[in-house]
Amino acid sequence: MRFANKTAGFTIVEILAVVVLVLILVAFIAPNYRPLLERAQGAVCASHMRTIRLAMDHYLNDHGQVWPQAPSPQELQQWSDFWLATLAPYDVTPATWQCPTIRGMLRDAGDQNPVLHYTPAMFDPTPGIARRWSTQPWLVEIANAHGQGALVCFPDGSIKSFNQILSEQGL
């Protein structure tokens, strides 16, 4: 005489054990979530700056090493529109110009204005000047969003915070 096979499935005890384990893991992770999120946003911000710097490098190569001649920075919207249009052919989207931390702070404050969170350097139209000095920043973050001073991107692609730059200078 054969007995019918029971259908496969989980018992209530097995399900409760899994739920308890997940809750224990969440309890360990939750206190560390905020610092992890902030570090991740800082890494995304640095990645955005590197992407923009690489696009600027391609722009210089395509335009005889002459830095884009942006309009006067007193007109913020015109300045933003210029840089968005200039680097759009190099796959730099408006979201790339925004730091996730600053975007979150602005969203929390109710401001949805899509401005640039990185300010490109002003150069004169002299060919090659953008690479002449390795310590001349190409991009500067508009705020101290990551707690170490605003981030600065240099021609070699390195990104440092103002605090790091000051400590390297012995200040």
C-alpha atoms as a PDB file:
ATOM      1  CA  MET A   1       0.000   0.000   0.000  1.00  0.00           C
ATOM      2  CA  ARG A   2       1.397   3.393  -1.017  1.00  0.00           C
ATOM      3  CA  PHE A   3       0.787   6.641   0.735  1.00  0.00           C
ATOM      4  CA  ALA A   4       0.171   9.789  -1.267  1.00  0.00           C
ATOM      5  CA  ASN A   5       3.073  12.246  -1.294  1.00  0.00           C
ATOM      6  CA  LYS A   6       2.520  15.421   0.655  1.00  0.00           C
ATOM      7  CA  THR A   7       2.669  18.597  -1.385  1.00  0.00           C
ATOM      8  CA  ALA A   8       5.862  20.548  -1.015  1.00  0.00           C
ATOM      9  CA  GLY A   9       5.656  23.768   0.955  1.00  0.00           C
ATOM     10  CA  PHE A  10       6.836  25.637   4.015  1.00  0.00           C
ATOM     11  CA  THR A  11       5.526  25.220   7.499  1.00  0.00           C
ATOM     12  CA  ILE A  12       4.468  28.169   9.615  1.00  0.00           C
ATOM     13  CA  VAL A  13       7.503  27.582  11.868  1.00  0.00           C
ATOM     14  CA  GLU A  14       9.900  27.834   8.903  1.00  0.00           C
ATOM     15  CA  ILE A  15       8.271  31.046   7.692  1.00  0.00           C
ATOM     16  CA  LEU A  16       8.404  32.590  11.188  1.00  0.00           C
ATOM     17  CA  ALA A  17      12.080  31.609  11.513  1.00  0.00           C
ATOM     18  CA  VAL A  18      12.938  33.373   8.249  1.00  0.00           C
ATOM     19  CA  VAL A  19      10.983  36.492   9.266  1.00  0.00           C
ATOM     20  CA  VAL A  20      12.776  36.616  12.633  1.00  0.00           C
ATOM     21  CA  LEU A  21      16.180  36.302  10.929  1.00  0.00           C
ATOM     22  CA  VAL A  22      15.359  39.100   8.484  1.00  0.00           C
ATOM     23  CA  LEU A  23      14.220  41.355  11.347  1.00  0.00           C
ATOM     24  CA  ILE A  24      17.453  40.657  13.235  1.00  0.00           C
ATOM     25  CA  LEU A  25      19.503  41.582  10.142  1.00  0.00           C
ATOM     26  CA  VAL A  26      17.500  44.778   9.672  1.00  0.00           C
ATOM     27  CA  ALA A  27      18.111  45.673  13.327  1.00  0.00           C
ATOM     28  CA  PHE A  28      21.863  45.403  12.737  1.00  0.00           C
ATOM     29  CA  ILE A  29      21.834  47.343   9.476  1.00  0.00           C
ATOM     30  CA  ALA A  30      19.397  50.154  10.349  1.00  0.00           C
ATOM     31  CA  PRO A  31      21.735  52.193  12.626  1.00  0.00           C
ATOM     32  CA  ASN A  32      24.422  52.159   9.926  1.00  0.00           C
ATOM     33  CA  TYR A  33      22.124  52.988   7.027  1.00  0.00           C
ATOM     34  CA  ARG A  34      22.489  56.792   7.068  1.00  0.00           C
ATOM     35  CA  PRO A  35      26.326  56.886   7.005  1.00  0.00           C
ATOM     36  CA  LEU A  36      26.355  54.231   4.272  1.00  0.00           C
ATOM     37  CA  LEU A  37      23.866  56.232   2.216  1.00  0.00           C
ATOM     38  CA  GLU A  38      25.920  59.424   2.646  1.00  0.00           C
ATOM     39  CA  ARG A  39      29.123  57.680   1.561  1.00  0.00           C
ATOM     40  CA  ALA A  40      27.349  56.167  -1.434  1.00  0.00           C
ATOM     41  CA  GLN A  41      25.993  59.586  -2.448  1.00  0.00           C
ATOM     42  CA  GLY A  42      29.496  61.044  -2.133  1.00  0.00           C
ATOM     43  CA  ALA A  43      30.804  58.327  -4.459  1.00  0.00           C
ATOM     44  CA  VAL A  44      28.030  59.045  -6.970  1.00  0.00           C
ATOM     45  CA  CYS A  45      28.837  62.759  -6.788  1.00  0.00           C
ATOM     46  CA  ALA A  46      32.529  62.100  -7.483  1.00  0.00           C
ATOM     47  CA  SER A  47      31.538  59.828 -10.362  1.00  0.00           C
ATOM     48  CA  HIS A  48      29.389  62.591 -11.847  1.00  0.00           C
ATOM     49  CA  MET A  49      32.304  65.010 -11.618  1.00  0.00           C
ATOM     50  CA  ARG A  50      34.614  62.534 -13.345  1.00  0.00           C
ATOM     51  CA  THR A  51      32.056  62.009 -16.117  1.00  0.00           C
ATOM     52  CA  ILE A  52      31.793  65.767 -16.699  1.00  0.00           C
ATOM     53  CA  ARG A  53      35.587  66.145 -16.612  1.00  0.00           C
ATOM     54  CA  LEU A  54      35.958  63.371 -19.188  1.00  0.00           C
ATOM     55  CA  ALA A  55      33.350  65.063 -21.402  1.00  0.00           C
ATOM     56  CA  MET A  56      35.251  68.365 -21.059  1.00  0.00           C
ATOM     57  CA  ASP A  57      38.424  66.572 -22.062  1.00  0.00           C
ATOM     58  CA  HIS A  58      36.686  65.214 -25.181  1.00  0.00           C
ATOM     59  CA  TYR A  59      35.310  68.683 -25.924  1.00  0.00           C
ATOM     60  CA  LEU A  60      38.824  70.152 -25.739  1.00  0.00           C
ATOM     61  CA  ASN A  61      40.152  67.451 -28.056  1.00  0.00           C
ATOM     62  CA  ASP A  62      37.346  68.143 -30.543  1.00  0.00           C
ATOM     63  CA  HIS A  63      37.745  71.939 -30.425  1.00  0.00           C
ATOM     64  CA  GLY A  64      41.474  72.521 -30.735  1.00  0.00           C
ATOM     65  CA  GLN A  65      42.116  72.615 -26.965  1.00  0.00           C
ATOM     66  CA  VAL A  66      40.024  75.782 -26.589  1.00  0.00           C
ATOM     67  CA  TRP A  67      37.886  75.861 -23.457  1.00  0.00           C
ATOM     68  CA  PRO A  68      34.180  76.589 -24.011  1.00  0.00           C
ATOM     69  CA  GLN A  69      33.510  80.305 -23.697  1.00  0.00           C
ATOM     70  CA  ALA A  70      30.597  80.422 -21.289  1.00  0.00           C
ATOM     71  CA  PRO A  71      28.434  83.507 -20.803  1.00  0.00           C
ATOM     72  CA  SER A  72      28.798  85.663 -17.723  1.00  0.00           C
ATOM     73  CA  PRO A  73      28.025  83.608 -14.595  1.00  0.00           C
ATOM     74  CA  GLN A  74      25.772  86.390 -13.257  1.00  0.00           C
ATOM     75  CA  GLU A  75      22.909  84.953 -15.322  1.00  0.00           C
ATOM     76  CA  LEU A  76      22.489  81.538 -13.706  1.00  0.00           C
ATOM     77  CA  GLN A  77      19.930  80.090 -16.125  1.00  0.00           C
ATOM     78  CA  GLN A  78      21.906  81.167 -19.201  1.00  0.00           C
ATOM     79  CA  TRP A  79      25.080  79.713 -17.600  1.00  0.00           C
ATOM     80  CA  SER A  80      23.308  76.412 -16.865  1.00  0.00           C
ATOM     81  CA  ASP A  81      21.756  76.199 -20.323  1.00  0.00           C
ATOM     82  CA  PHE A  82      25.135  76.838 -21.942  1.00  0.00           C
ATOM     83  CA  TRP A  83      26.912  74.030 -20.092  1.00  0.00           C
ATOM     84  CA  LEU A  84      24.024  71.602 -20.516  1.00  0.00           C
ATOM     85  CA  ALA A  85      24.012  72.218 -24.285  1.00  0.00           C
ATOM     86  CA  THR A  86      27.820  72.232 -24.628  1.00  0.00           C
ATOM     87  CA  LEU A  87      28.363  68.831 -23.054  1.00  0.00           C
ATOM     88  CA  ALA A  88      25.114  67.149 -24.141  1.00  0.00           C
ATOM     89  CA  PRO A  89      26.805  65.702 -27.292  1.00  0.00           C
ATOM     90  CA  TYR A  90      29.219  63.925 -24.931  1.00  0.00           C
ATOM     91  CA  ASP A  91      26.387  62.088 -23.131  1.00  0.00           C
ATOM     92  CA  VAL A  92      26.322  64.395 -20.110  1.00  0.00           C
ATOM     93  CA  THR A  93      22.702  64.573 -19.006  1.00  0.00           C
ATOM     94  CA  PRO A  94      21.161  67.194 -16.702  1.00  0.00           C
ATOM     95  CA  ALA A  95      21.113  64.561 -13.920  1.00  0.00           C
ATOM     96  CA  THR A  96      24.896  64.190 -14.245  1.00  0.00           C
ATOM     97  CA  TRP A  97      25.255  67.849 -13.276  1.00  0.00           C
ATOM     98  CA  GLN A  98      23.484  67.223  -9.973  1.00  0.00           C
ATOM     99  CA  CYS A  99      24.905  65.856  -6.735  1.00  0.00           C
ATOM    100  CA  PRO A 100      22.438  63.398  -5.181  1.00  0.00           C
ATOM    101  CA  THR A 101      23.015  64.876  -1.712  1.00  0.00           C
ATOM    102  CA  ILE A 102      22.347  68.452  -2.828  1.00  0.00           C
ATOM    103  CA  ARG A 103      19.370  67.310  -4.910  1.00  0.00           C
ATOM    104  CA  GLY A 104      17.931  65.609  -1.808  1.00  0.00           C
ATOM    105  CA  MET A 105      18.469  68.697   0.341  1.00  0.00           C
ATOM    106  CA  LEU A 106      16.790  70.913  -2.254  1.00  0.00           C
ATOM    107  CA  ARG A 107      13.904  68.472  -2.639  1.00  0.00           C
ATOM    108  CA  ASP A 108      13.415  68.417   1.143  1.00  0.00           C
ATOM    109  CA  ALA A 109      13.344  72.231   1.099  1.00  0.00           C
ATOM    110  CA  GLY A 110      10.701  72.175  -1.660  1.00  0.00           C
ATOM    111  CA  ASP A 111      13.040  73.540  -4.349  1.00  0.00           C
ATOM    112  CA  GLN A 112      12.848  71.634  -7.646  1.00  0.00           C
ATOM    113  CA  ASN A 113      14.961  74.084  -9.679  1.00  0.00           C
ATOM    114  CA  PRO A 114      17.235  71.998 -11.946  1.00  0.00           C
ATOM    115  CA  VAL A 115      20.473  73.958 -11.595  1.00  0.00           C
ATOM    116  CA  LEU A 116      24.041  72.793 -11.967  1.00  0.00           C
ATOM    117  CA  HIS A 117      25.603  71.564  -8.744  1.00  0.00           C
ATOM    118  CA  TYR A 118      29.105  71.734 -10.215  1.00  0.00           C
ATOM    119  CA  THR A 119      30.611  74.993 -11.418  1.00  0.00           C
ATOM    120  CA  PRO A 120      33.028  74.763 -14.354  1.00  0.00           C
ATOM    121  CA  ALA A 121      36.119  76.948 -14.239  1.00  0.00           C
ATOM    122  CA  MET A 122      36.353  80.158 -16.206  1.00  0.00           C
ATOM    123  CA  PHE A 123      39.228  80.178 -18.687  1.00  0.00           C
ATOM    124  CA  ASP A 124      40.246  82.619 -21.350  1.00  0.00           C
ATOM    125  CA  PRO A 125      40.194  81.436 -24.989  1.00  0.00           C
ATOM    126  CA  THR A 126      43.935  80.628 -25.034  1.00  0.00           C
ATOM    127  CA  PRO A 127      44.404  77.117 -26.476  1.00  0.00           C
ATOM    128  CA  GLY A 128      45.674  74.586 -23.983  1.00  0.00           C
ATOM    129  CA  ILE A 129      45.182  76.787 -20.947  1.00  0.00           C
ATOM    130  CA  ALA A 130      42.756  74.317 -19.373  1.00  0.00           C
ATOM    131  CA  ARG A 131      45.604  71.799 -19.004  1.00  0.00           C
ATOM    132  CA  ARG A 132      48.395  74.274 -18.328  1.00  0.00           C
ATOM    133  CA  TRP A 133      48.261  74.040 -14.523  1.00  0.00           C
ATOM    134  CA  SER A 134      47.527  70.738 -12.829  1.00  0.00           C
ATOM    135  CA  THR A 135      46.287  72.551  -9.719  1.00  0.00           C
ATOM    136  CA  GLN A 136      43.706  74.648 -11.613  1.00  0.00           C
ATOM    137  CA  PRO A 137      40.275  73.138 -10.853  1.00  0.00           C
ATOM    138  CA  TRP A 138      37.988  72.289 -13.744  1.00  0.00           C
ATOM    139  CA  LEU A 139      34.897  71.788 -11.591  1.00  0.00           C
ATOM    140  CA  VAL A 140      33.916  72.849  -8.093  1.00  0.00           C
ATOM    141  CA  GLU A 141      30.902  71.554  -6.201  1.00  0.00           C
ATOM    142  CA  ILE A 142      28.570  74.384  -5.140  1.00  0.00           C
ATOM    143  CA  ALA A 143      28.213  73.264  -1.499  1.00  0.00           C
ATOM    144  CA  ASN A 144      29.812  71.289   1.284  1.00  0.00           C
ATOM    145  CA  ALA A 145      27.402  68.422   0.742  1.00  0.00           C
ATOM    146  CA  HIS A 146      29.590  65.610   2.050  1.00  0.00           C
ATOM    147  CA  GLY A 147      30.984  67.119   5.245  1.00  0.00           C
ATOM    148  CA  GLN A 148      34.590  67.527   4.112  1.00  0.00           C
ATOM    149  CA  GLY A 149      34.291  70.749   2.146  1.00  0.00           C
ATOM    150  CA  ALA A 150      33.108  71.118  -1.420  1.00  0.00           C
ATOM    151  CA  LEU A 151      34.573  68.652  -3.897  1.00  0.00           C
ATOM    152  CA  VAL A 152      37.011  69.896  -6.525  1.00  0.00           C
ATOM    153  CA  CYS A 153      37.840  68.101  -9.799  1.00  0.00           C
ATOM    154  CA  PHE A 154      41.243  68.666 -11.404  1.00  0.00           C
ATOM    155  CA  PRO A 155      42.434  68.190 -15.018  1.00  0.00           C
ATOM    156  CA  ASP A 156      43.925  64.768 -14.223  1.00  0.00           C
ATOM    157  CA  GLY A 157      40.535  63.535 -13.007  1.00  0.00           C
ATOM    158  CA  SER A 158      41.451  63.538  -9.342  1.00  0.00           C
ATOM    159  CA  ILE A 159      38.766  64.755  -6.976  1.00  0.00           C
ATOM    160  CA  LYS A 160      39.564  66.189  -3.576  1.00  0.00           C
ATOM    161  CA  SER A 161      37.587  67.957  -0.902  1.00  0.00           C
ATOM    162  CA  PHE A 162      38.538  71.474   0.181  1.00  0.00           C
ATOM    163  CA  ASN A 163      39.573  70.059   3.563  1.00  0.00           C
ATOM    164  CA  GLN A 164      41.921  67.589   1.857  1.00  0.00           C
ATOM    165  CA  ILE A 165      43.414  70.333  -0.337  1.00  0.00           C
ATOM    166  CA  LEU A 166      43.967  72.570   2.674  1.00  0.00           C
ATOM    167  CA  SER A 167      45.619  69.788   4.680  1.00  0.00           C
ATOM    168  CA  GLU A 168      47.928  68.996   1.740  1.00  0.00           C
ATOM    169  CA  GLN A 169      48.929  72.669   1.686  1.00  0.00           C
ATOM    170  CA  GLY A 170      49.641  72.562   5.430  1.00  0.00           C
ATOM    171  CA  LEU A 171      46.782  74.909   6.255  1.00  0.00           C
END
